[in-house]
Protein backbone atom coordinates (compact mmCIF):
# COMPACT_ATOMS: atom_id res chain seq x y z
CA MET A 1 5.84 41.43 -29.32
CA LYS A 2 7.67 38.79 -30.02
CA LYS A 3 9.87 39.51 -26.70
CA ILE A 4 7.08 39.56 -24.55
CA ILE A 5 5.45 36.72 -25.34
CA PRO A 6 8.39 34.42 -24.33
CA LEU A 7 8.59 36.90 -20.83
CA LEU A 8 4.88 36.35 -19.98
CA SER A 9 5.85 32.52 -20.49
CA VAL A 10 8.00 32.70 -17.61
CA VAL A 11 5.90 34.81 -15.36
CA LEU A 12 3.13 32.34 -16.12
CA LEU A 13 5.76 29.49 -14.91
CA LEU A 14 6.77 30.87 -12.17
CA ILE A 15 3.23 31.43 -10.61
CA SER A 16 2.14 27.73 -11.49
CA CYS A 17 5.29 26.67 -9.79
CA SER A 18 4.29 28.50 -6.84
CA ASN A 19 0.58 27.44 -6.57
CA THR A 20 2.44 23.75 -7.02
CA ASP A 21 4.35 24.12 -3.99
CA ASP A 22 1.71 25.66 -1.83
CA GLU A 23 -0.24 22.47 -2.96
CA MET A 24 2.64 20.20 -1.86
CA ILE A 25 3.09 21.81 1.27
CA ALA A 26 -0.83 21.46 2.16
CA ILE A 27 -0.42 17.74 1.03
CA ASP A 28 2.81 17.03 2.93
CA ASN A 29 2.17 18.62 6.01
CA PRO A 30 -1.53 17.22 7.03
CA GLU A 31 -3.88 18.84 9.97
CA ILE A 32 -4.02 15.79 12.51
CA ALA A 33 -7.23 14.85 13.28
CA LEU A 34 -8.79 16.38 16.53
CA ASN A 35 -10.35 13.31 17.89
CA ILE A 36 -12.56 14.79 20.87
CA PRO A 37 -13.37 12.32 23.19
CA THR A 38 -16.86 11.53 23.70
CA GLY A 39 -18.25 14.18 26.21
CA PHE A 40 -15.36 16.06 26.04
CA PRO A 41 -15.99 20.07 25.51
CA GLU A 42 -15.18 21.51 21.62
CA PRO A 43 -11.99 22.79 21.63
CA ASN A 44 -11.42 26.54 23.02
CA GLU A 45 -11.40 29.36 19.96
CA PHE A 46 -7.51 29.27 19.52
CA VAL A 47 -7.36 26.05 18.05
CA ARG A 48 -8.97 26.79 15.14
CA PHE A 49 -5.85 29.43 13.73
CA ASN A 50 -3.32 26.88 14.93
CA LYS A 51 -4.72 23.33 14.28
CA PRO A 52 -2.02 20.24 14.88
CA THR A 53 -0.27 19.48 12.01
CA LYS A 54 2.30 16.57 11.51
CA TYR A 55 5.54 18.48 11.14
CA GLY A 56 3.88 21.28 13.68
CA VAL A 57 3.61 18.72 15.97
CA GLU A 58 7.07 17.07 15.22
CA LEU A 59 8.70 20.69 15.57
CA GLY A 60 6.99 21.42 18.61
CA GLU A 61 7.95 17.68 20.78
CA LYS A 62 11.64 18.96 19.72
CA LEU A 63 11.64 22.44 20.81
CA PHE A 64 9.84 21.68 24.03
CA SER A 65 12.80 18.80 24.96
CA ASP A 66 15.57 21.43 23.39
CA LYS A 67 17.69 22.68 26.99
CA ARG A 68 19.02 25.54 24.43
CA PHE A 69 16.21 27.08 25.68
CA SER A 70 17.26 28.10 28.97
CA ALA A 71 20.15 30.42 29.50
CA ASP A 72 22.93 27.94 30.52
CA ASN A 73 21.80 25.04 28.11
CA THR A 74 20.19 22.93 31.31
CA ILE A 75 16.59 22.93 31.16
CA SER A 76 13.90 22.51 28.91
CA CYS A 77 10.38 22.60 28.76
CA SER A 78 9.95 18.76 29.11
CA SER A 79 12.89 18.76 32.35
CA CYS A 80 9.72 20.50 34.49
CA HIS A 81 7.23 18.61 32.49
CA ILE A 82 7.84 14.61 32.76
CA GLN A 83 5.42 12.78 30.57
CA GLU A 84 5.83 9.46 33.40
CA ASN A 85 4.58 12.24 35.47
CA ALA A 86 1.61 13.60 33.43
CA PHE A 87 3.93 16.23 32.28
CA THR A 88 4.64 17.23 35.78
CA ASP A 89 7.91 17.05 37.74
CA GLY A 90 7.62 15.55 41.19
CA LYS A 91 8.72 18.62 43.25
CA ALA A 92 7.10 20.71 45.51
CA GLN A 93 8.20 23.76 43.74
CA GLY A 94 9.47 24.12 39.91
CA ILE A 95 13.30 23.97 39.58
CA GLY A 96 14.91 26.03 37.06
CA ILE A 97 18.03 26.93 36.17
CA GLU A 98 20.82 26.74 38.81
CA GLY A 99 18.80 24.80 41.44
CA ARG A 100 16.42 28.17 41.53
CA ILE A 101 12.99 27.38 43.11
CA GLY A 102 10.14 28.97 41.34
CA LEU A 103 7.27 30.28 42.75
CA ARG A 104 4.90 27.12 42.12
CA ASN A 105 3.70 23.69 41.56
CA THR A 106 4.98 22.29 38.35
CA PRO A 107 1.13 21.98 36.60
CA SER A 108 -0.20 18.97 34.43
CA ILE A 109 -0.07 19.27 30.34
CA GLN A 110 -3.08 17.01 29.17
CA ASN A 111 -6.37 17.75 27.27
CA LEU A 112 -5.02 21.66 26.84
CA MET A 113 -7.12 22.12 23.84
CA PHE A 114 -9.94 21.96 25.94
CA MET A 115 -8.76 24.66 28.52
CA LYS A 116 -10.00 28.19 28.82
CA PHE A 117 -6.64 29.54 30.95
CA TYR A 118 -3.39 28.53 31.72
CA ASN A 119 -1.62 28.71 34.88
CA TRP A 120 -2.48 28.61 37.98
CA ASP A 121 -3.08 32.09 37.81
CA GLY A 122 -5.50 32.12 34.56
CA SER A 123 -2.73 34.50 33.46
CA LYS A 124 -3.01 32.72 29.71
CA LEU A 125 -6.24 32.81 27.71
CA GLN A 126 -4.33 31.70 24.81
CA LEU A 127 -1.73 28.61 24.73
CA GLU A 128 0.38 30.55 22.05
CA ASN A 129 1.21 32.82 24.46
CA GLN A 130 2.13 30.98 27.54
CA PRO A 131 5.69 29.16 26.38
CA LEU A 132 7.54 32.58 26.78
CA VAL A 133 7.00 32.40 30.47
CA PRO A 134 9.29 29.77 31.39
CA ILE A 135 11.75 31.25 28.94
CA ILE A 136 12.06 34.38 30.63
CA THR A 137 11.26 33.62 34.08
CA HIS A 138 14.21 34.54 36.41
CA GLU A 139 13.73 31.39 38.31
CA GLU A 140 12.94 29.27 35.27
CA MET A 141 15.05 29.03 32.20
CA ASP A 142 15.87 33.24 32.67
CA SER A 143 16.80 33.75 28.72
CA SER A 144 14.88 35.24 25.88
CA ILE A 145 13.16 34.39 22.89
CA LEU A 146 15.81 36.06 20.93
CA ASP A 147 18.49 34.39 22.25
CA VAL A 148 16.74 30.98 21.93
CA ILE A 149 16.66 31.75 18.41
CA GLY A 150 20.51 32.90 18.21
CA LYS A 151 21.18 29.24 19.62
CA ILE A 152 19.52 27.54 16.50
CA GLN A 153 19.20 29.09 13.67
CA ASN A 154 22.15 27.64 12.12
CA ASP A 155 20.58 24.08 13.25
CA ALA A 156 19.88 22.05 9.87
CA SER A 157 17.54 20.10 11.60
CA TYR A 158 15.00 22.44 12.58
CA ALA A 159 15.70 24.47 9.21
CA ASP A 160 14.45 21.06 7.53
CA LEU A 161 11.36 21.11 10.54
CA PHE A 162 10.62 24.35 10.34
CA LYS A 163 10.07 24.42 6.24
CA LYS A 164 8.08 21.26 6.74
CA ALA A 165 5.60 23.15 9.31
CA PHE A 166 5.66 26.69 7.86
CA GLY A 167 6.85 26.24 4.28
CA ASP A 168 9.95 27.50 4.82
CA ALA A 169 13.11 27.77 6.58
CA ALA A 170 12.53 31.23 8.91
CA ILE A 171 12.60 30.76 12.49
CA THR A 172 10.86 33.01 14.34
CA PRO A 173 9.36 33.58 17.72
CA GLU A 174 5.68 32.97 16.82
CA ARG A 175 6.68 29.97 14.91
CA ILE A 176 7.92 28.58 17.74
CA TYR A 177 5.27 29.37 20.29
CA LYS A 178 2.91 27.87 17.67
CA SER A 179 4.37 24.93 16.56
CA ILE A 180 5.22 24.02 20.65
CA ALA A 181 0.92 24.84 21.71
CA GLN A 182 0.45 22.55 18.60
CA PHE A 183 2.56 19.32 20.22
CA GLU A 184 0.61 20.56 23.63
CA TYR A 185 -2.66 20.23 21.78
CA SER A 186 -2.13 16.81 20.68
CA LEU A 187 -1.55 15.77 24.18
CA VAL A 188 -5.31 14.10 24.95
CA SER A 189 -5.76 11.98 27.85
CA ALA A 190 -9.56 9.71 28.22
CA ASN A 191 -8.60 6.58 27.96
CA SER A 192 -7.86 5.35 31.95
CA LYS A 193 -9.95 2.72 33.35
CA TYR A 194 -12.77 5.05 34.12
CA ASP A 195 -13.37 5.83 30.35
CA LYS A 196 -13.37 2.26 29.13
CA VAL A 197 -15.97 1.90 31.99
CA LYS A 198 -18.32 4.53 30.45
CA ARG A 199 -17.44 3.37 27.26
CA LYS A 200 -18.50 -0.13 28.04
CA GLU A 201 -15.25 -1.42 27.28
CA GLY A 202 -15.85 -4.85 28.98
CA GLU A 203 -14.19 -2.72 32.09
CA SER A 204 -15.96 -2.46 35.76
CA PHE A 205 -15.11 -0.85 38.73
CA THR A 206 -14.25 -2.90 42.02
CA ALA A 207 -16.93 -2.45 44.79
CA GLY A 208 -14.59 0.79 46.61
CA GLU A 209 -14.23 1.93 43.03
CA ALA A 210 -18.05 2.22 42.80
CA LYS A 211 -18.21 3.38 46.30
CA GLY A 212 -15.53 5.97 45.32
CA PHE A 213 -17.29 7.00 42.69
CA GLU A 214 -20.65 8.05 44.44
CA ILE A 215 -18.85 10.11 47.06
CA PHE A 216 -16.84 12.05 44.35
CA GLN A 217 -20.71 12.70 43.15
CA GLN A 218 -21.64 13.77 45.84
CA LYS A 219 -19.11 15.65 47.28
CA CYS A 220 -16.61 16.74 44.59
CA ALA A 221 -17.95 17.14 41.06
CA SER A 222 -19.62 20.51 41.40
CA CYS A 223 -16.04 22.04 41.43
CA HIS A 224 -14.19 18.69 39.65
CA SER A 225 -16.85 18.64 37.11
CA THR A 226 -17.29 17.38 33.38
CA GLU A 227 -15.40 15.15 31.73
CA LEU A 228 -12.19 17.34 32.17
CA PHE A 229 -12.47 17.05 36.00
CA THR A 230 -12.23 20.41 36.15
CA ASP A 231 -14.77 23.18 35.92
CA GLN A 232 -11.89 25.43 34.92
CA SER A 233 -12.96 28.31 38.47
CA PHE A 234 -11.12 30.21 40.53
CA ARG A 235 -11.71 29.00 43.72
CA ASN A 236 -9.46 29.87 47.52
CA ILE A 237 -10.26 26.52 49.20
CA GLY A 238 -8.33 27.22 52.34
CA PHE A 239 -5.22 25.68 51.62
CA PRO A 240 -2.40 26.26 53.46
CA LEU A 241 -0.52 29.58 52.43
CA ASN A 242 2.70 30.17 50.66
CA THR A 243 3.79 33.40 52.18
CA ASN A 244 6.04 34.01 49.45
CA SER A 245 5.39 38.20 48.79
CA ASN A 246 4.61 37.44 45.14
CA GLU A 247 1.73 35.27 45.67
CA ALA A 248 -1.43 36.21 45.22
CA GLY A 249 -3.75 33.49 43.39
CA ARG A 250 -5.91 35.12 40.87
CA ALA A 251 -5.63 38.12 41.93
CA ARG A 252 -2.25 38.51 40.93
CA VAL A 253 -4.01 38.45 37.26
CA THR A 254 -6.88 40.90 38.04
CA GLY A 255 -6.01 42.89 41.02
CA ILE A 256 -8.97 42.04 42.70
CA THR A 257 -8.90 41.21 46.52
CA ALA A 258 -12.00 38.73 46.04
CA ASP A 259 -9.79 37.14 44.01
CA TYR A 260 -7.18 36.57 46.68
CA MET A 261 -5.23 32.95 47.00
CA SER A 262 -7.83 32.04 44.64
CA PHE A 263 -6.35 29.12 41.89
CA ARG A 264 -7.54 27.23 39.01
CA VAL A 265 -9.22 24.09 40.10
CA PRO A 266 -6.87 20.99 38.81
CA THR A 267 -8.11 18.24 36.86
CA LEU A 268 -7.90 14.59 38.72
CA ARG A 269 -6.86 13.54 35.53
CA ASN A 270 -3.96 10.76 36.03
CA ILE A 271 -3.90 13.06 39.52
CA GLU A 272 -2.10 9.50 40.84
CA TYR A 273 1.02 10.41 38.85
CA THR A 274 1.24 14.54 39.75
CA ALA A 275 2.27 14.55 43.46
CA PRO A 276 2.66 16.68 45.66
CA TYR A 277 -0.32 18.75 45.47
CA GLY A 278 -1.62 22.07 45.68
CA SER A 279 -0.29 25.33 44.36
CA PHE A 280 2.95 24.73 45.57
CA GLY A 281 3.13 21.47 46.67
CA GLN A 282 1.80 21.67 50.26
CA PHE A 283 0.78 18.09 50.18
CA PRO A 284 2.64 14.90 49.85
CA THR A 285 -0.14 12.50 48.72
CA LEU A 286 -4.12 12.48 48.29
CA LYS A 287 -4.82 10.67 51.42
CA ALA A 288 -3.08 13.91 52.86
CA VAL A 289 -5.03 16.25 50.93
CA LEU A 290 -8.22 14.24 52.29
CA ASP A 291 -7.53 14.77 55.89
CA TYR A 292 -6.78 18.58 55.49
CA PHE A 293 -10.34 18.56 54.04
CA ASP A 294 -11.88 16.84 57.10
CA ASN A 295 -10.11 18.19 59.71
CA GLY A 296 -11.25 22.10 58.34
CA VAL A 297 -9.04 24.19 56.22
CA LEU A 298 -7.88 27.78 56.54
CA GLU A 299 -10.90 30.30 57.06
CA ALA A 300 -10.91 33.72 54.72
CA GLU A 301 -13.16 36.11 53.67
CA ASN A 302 -13.41 34.85 50.20
CA LEU A 303 -12.88 31.00 51.38
CA ASP A 304 -15.16 29.12 48.76
CA PRO A 305 -19.45 28.04 49.36
CA ILE A 306 -18.44 24.83 49.37
CA PHE A 307 -16.66 25.11 52.57
CA LYS A 308 -17.51 28.22 54.29
CA ASN A 309 -21.64 26.84 54.16
CA ASN A 310 -20.31 23.50 56.01
CA GLY A 311 -18.11 24.72 58.90
CA SER A 312 -14.76 24.90 56.68
CA SER A 313 -14.50 21.45 56.06
CA ILE A 314 -15.42 18.26 54.10
CA PRO A 315 -16.34 15.70 56.29
CA LEU A 316 -14.95 12.43 55.09
CA THR A 317 -14.58 8.34 57.21
CA GLU A 318 -10.97 7.00 56.69
CA GLU A 319 -13.42 4.70 54.32
CA GLU A 320 -14.71 7.15 52.14
CA LYS A 321 -11.20 8.93 51.70
CA ASN A 322 -9.83 5.07 51.07
CA ASN A 323 -12.75 4.56 48.35
CA LEU A 324 -12.14 8.33 46.83
CA ILE A 325 -8.67 7.64 46.19
CA ALA A 326 -9.39 4.35 45.06
CA PHE A 327 -11.83 6.35 42.42
CA MET A 328 -9.19 8.68 41.08
CA LYS A 329 -6.89 6.48 40.67
CA THR A 330 -9.47 5.03 38.02
CA LEU A 331 -8.57 8.63 36.19
CA SER A 332 -4.90 7.07 35.42
CA ASP A 333 -4.10 6.68 31.85
CA THR A 334 -1.38 4.96 31.24
CA ALA A 335 -1.05 4.95 27.99
CA PHE A 336 -1.18 8.62 28.25
CA VAL A 337 1.74 8.29 30.54
CA LYS A 338 3.70 5.58 28.93
CA GLN A 339 3.61 3.41 32.09
């Protein structure tokens, strides 16, 4: 019996140490407060299973900028998602390794924790499932998650961060996806001139911006609704067609003919920084988009009723276009893009 008591003491000590370590991990890697801007919707249902933490976000940002994610070590997520451009790249279509041209325009990355769908066609419903897409896509990184892990697994700085974020140094696909998503969840833009005017923080619209806001409410707000400035629906608004045989818009996901060439309504937040516009960069400027709406869009069986029931156009005078653009620029968050 005398030998059993010391053994029991060791076991209890180990259990006690284990519990202490778990508590220290929780204390040393605190969750980042999700300060939901006034009027914004609740975060999507997946955020609560992967709440951003101090080191999870730090790790995600490091992974986001690591060019070893691509087959030839030349392209990272941040190569196409540039903060100064509201995390777009200024190109009509994304450019991957060896100058390969992608199918679509690079979408902005902001307020993703509030979104229900990801990618132009809504092919992903959960942000944690999205990072693998550019890694394996031929026109983007053309790699594999196992190759990525092989490149970074002996990197001491990663071992340290994975341990701080997840409790041990193991690098797994799930942890990579979760930490990148945590970083992206942290990218909230809600401090534009529009926001400051709404919060009554001493800002006010110019006459042109105020007129533009009125026009926006009359002619644009049905699609670009909520404080996200998108209703997150999929619509065919008669933009010039991408004739690439792989393109079908939302129908590429659903297989439904009625979804052909329908795309997710983009947010207008920071729209000033995200030219060119359209699913494959059809329009170089906001003025070009508004001119196209005014002159008439392409006819289609599934053309959105907003156009179909109004002669396939949104008539706008030159003054209205200028005022609309002035208002849209009030949605620019200079702190968010660090300009």
